[in-house]
Structures are given as structure tokens and as C-alpha cells.
Amino acid sequence: MRTKALAFAGLIAVCPSWVAAQTSVAVSDPVRIEANQTLTLEHAWALAERGNPVLNAARARMAAAQGALTDAAAPLYNNPELTLERTRRAVPQSGSPDQRRNEWNVGLAQTIEIAGQRGHRLAVNEAAVVALEAEIEDQTRQLRSSVAQAFNRVLALQQRIALDEEALELFERTALAVEKRRAAGEDTRLDANVAAVEAERARHQL
């Protein structure tokens, strides 16, 4: 759906808290829109999803969950431990002072998971990612619904303004015509006043 004819200023009036979140968008941002530029519903969705703090927080949690899943899928989840020890030992020498020697010990330890521990950890992390995906999808759907409602309200108001402008023009032309007829003696002052009142009412309505 490519619904158009929505001015950005109209959305500010309907949804000011949402628009306030967009003021920090960079000039080079592909979803940026100028104040006098026509806004489509798809563009409004992109702006809202980009600036919504709840949705952005959920995406950040998703990145962390995916990182945890990547770590859990590693063949050796636990890092190996390397140890290095040095011992100074005095070796007695017959007829000579004790000789001191350095002895080095190197050790390597690696924790190996058994009894399906890796599989359980993978399942937990995969479930967390799936849950976050569902949460992001639900939040996106709710956000799009709110933006679409605001978008359509503004479109309805714009259409109403157009109709009121046409009605005002019609009433003003009618009032002018009645005034001319009154001046020519074809209509009464009451008719002219009624036409003027209707034109003023249409102007206030607009």
C-alpha cells in the first residue's frame, strides 16, 4: 500500500511524542524527511521503527542473545586454562657451594562437557532468541498499527479541510450573489443576511 498526501506537519499535530523521537535523525539518514515533503505510510513506519526506544531496546537484547547463542554453539565453550610455574631449587655440590637451578612446569587444562550439557545450553539460548523474535514482531506490529491510525486520522482531516474549503467558496459565492440580487431589489435584506451568516459559519468551520 502506497498511501500518500500526508504532510509531516500533520503528523506532528496528531502524534507529537513520536515525532519528537525523530529530531535526532542525521541528514544523511535514508529515512529522513523534510518538513514540506510528502510522507507515505511506509516512510512513517520506517521513521517510527527507527526512533522507538522500546523496539530499539528489544533489538539490542536480540543482538546479545544471538551472541550468547554463537558462544554456546562453539565446540569448546569453556576456554582452555594455561598454567606456567617456575621453581628455584638448590642442588648440593660436593666441595662446592650449592648450585641453584630453575625448574619450569607448564600445564594445560580443558573442561569437557558431558551428559548433554552443551545441548541443554544451546536449547536455552535458541529459545531466548525465538522469544525475542516474537517480542520484536509483536512490538513492531503494535507500533505500525498506532502509526497507521495516526496517519489515517491526518488523511481524514486533510480531506475534511478540502471539503470545507469547497463549501466555504460555495457559501461565499452564494452570499455575493444574494447581495447583488438584494441590491437589484430581487432579494430581501433577510436573504442577504442569512447567506452572509452561512458563509461566516463555513469560515469558522474551516
Foldseek 3Di string as FASTA:
>chain_A
DWDKDFAPVLLCVLPVVQVVLQPPDDPPDPLDDDRGDMDTLVSLLVSSCVRPPVLVVLVVVLVVLVVQLVLLPDQQNDDKDKDKDKDWDWDDDVPDGTDIDIDMDIDIDGDDDDPCPSVVSNVVSVVVNVVSVVVSVVVSVVSSVVSVVSRVVSVVVVVVVVVLVVVLVVLVVVLVVQVVCVVVVNHPPVVNVVSVVSNVVSVVVD
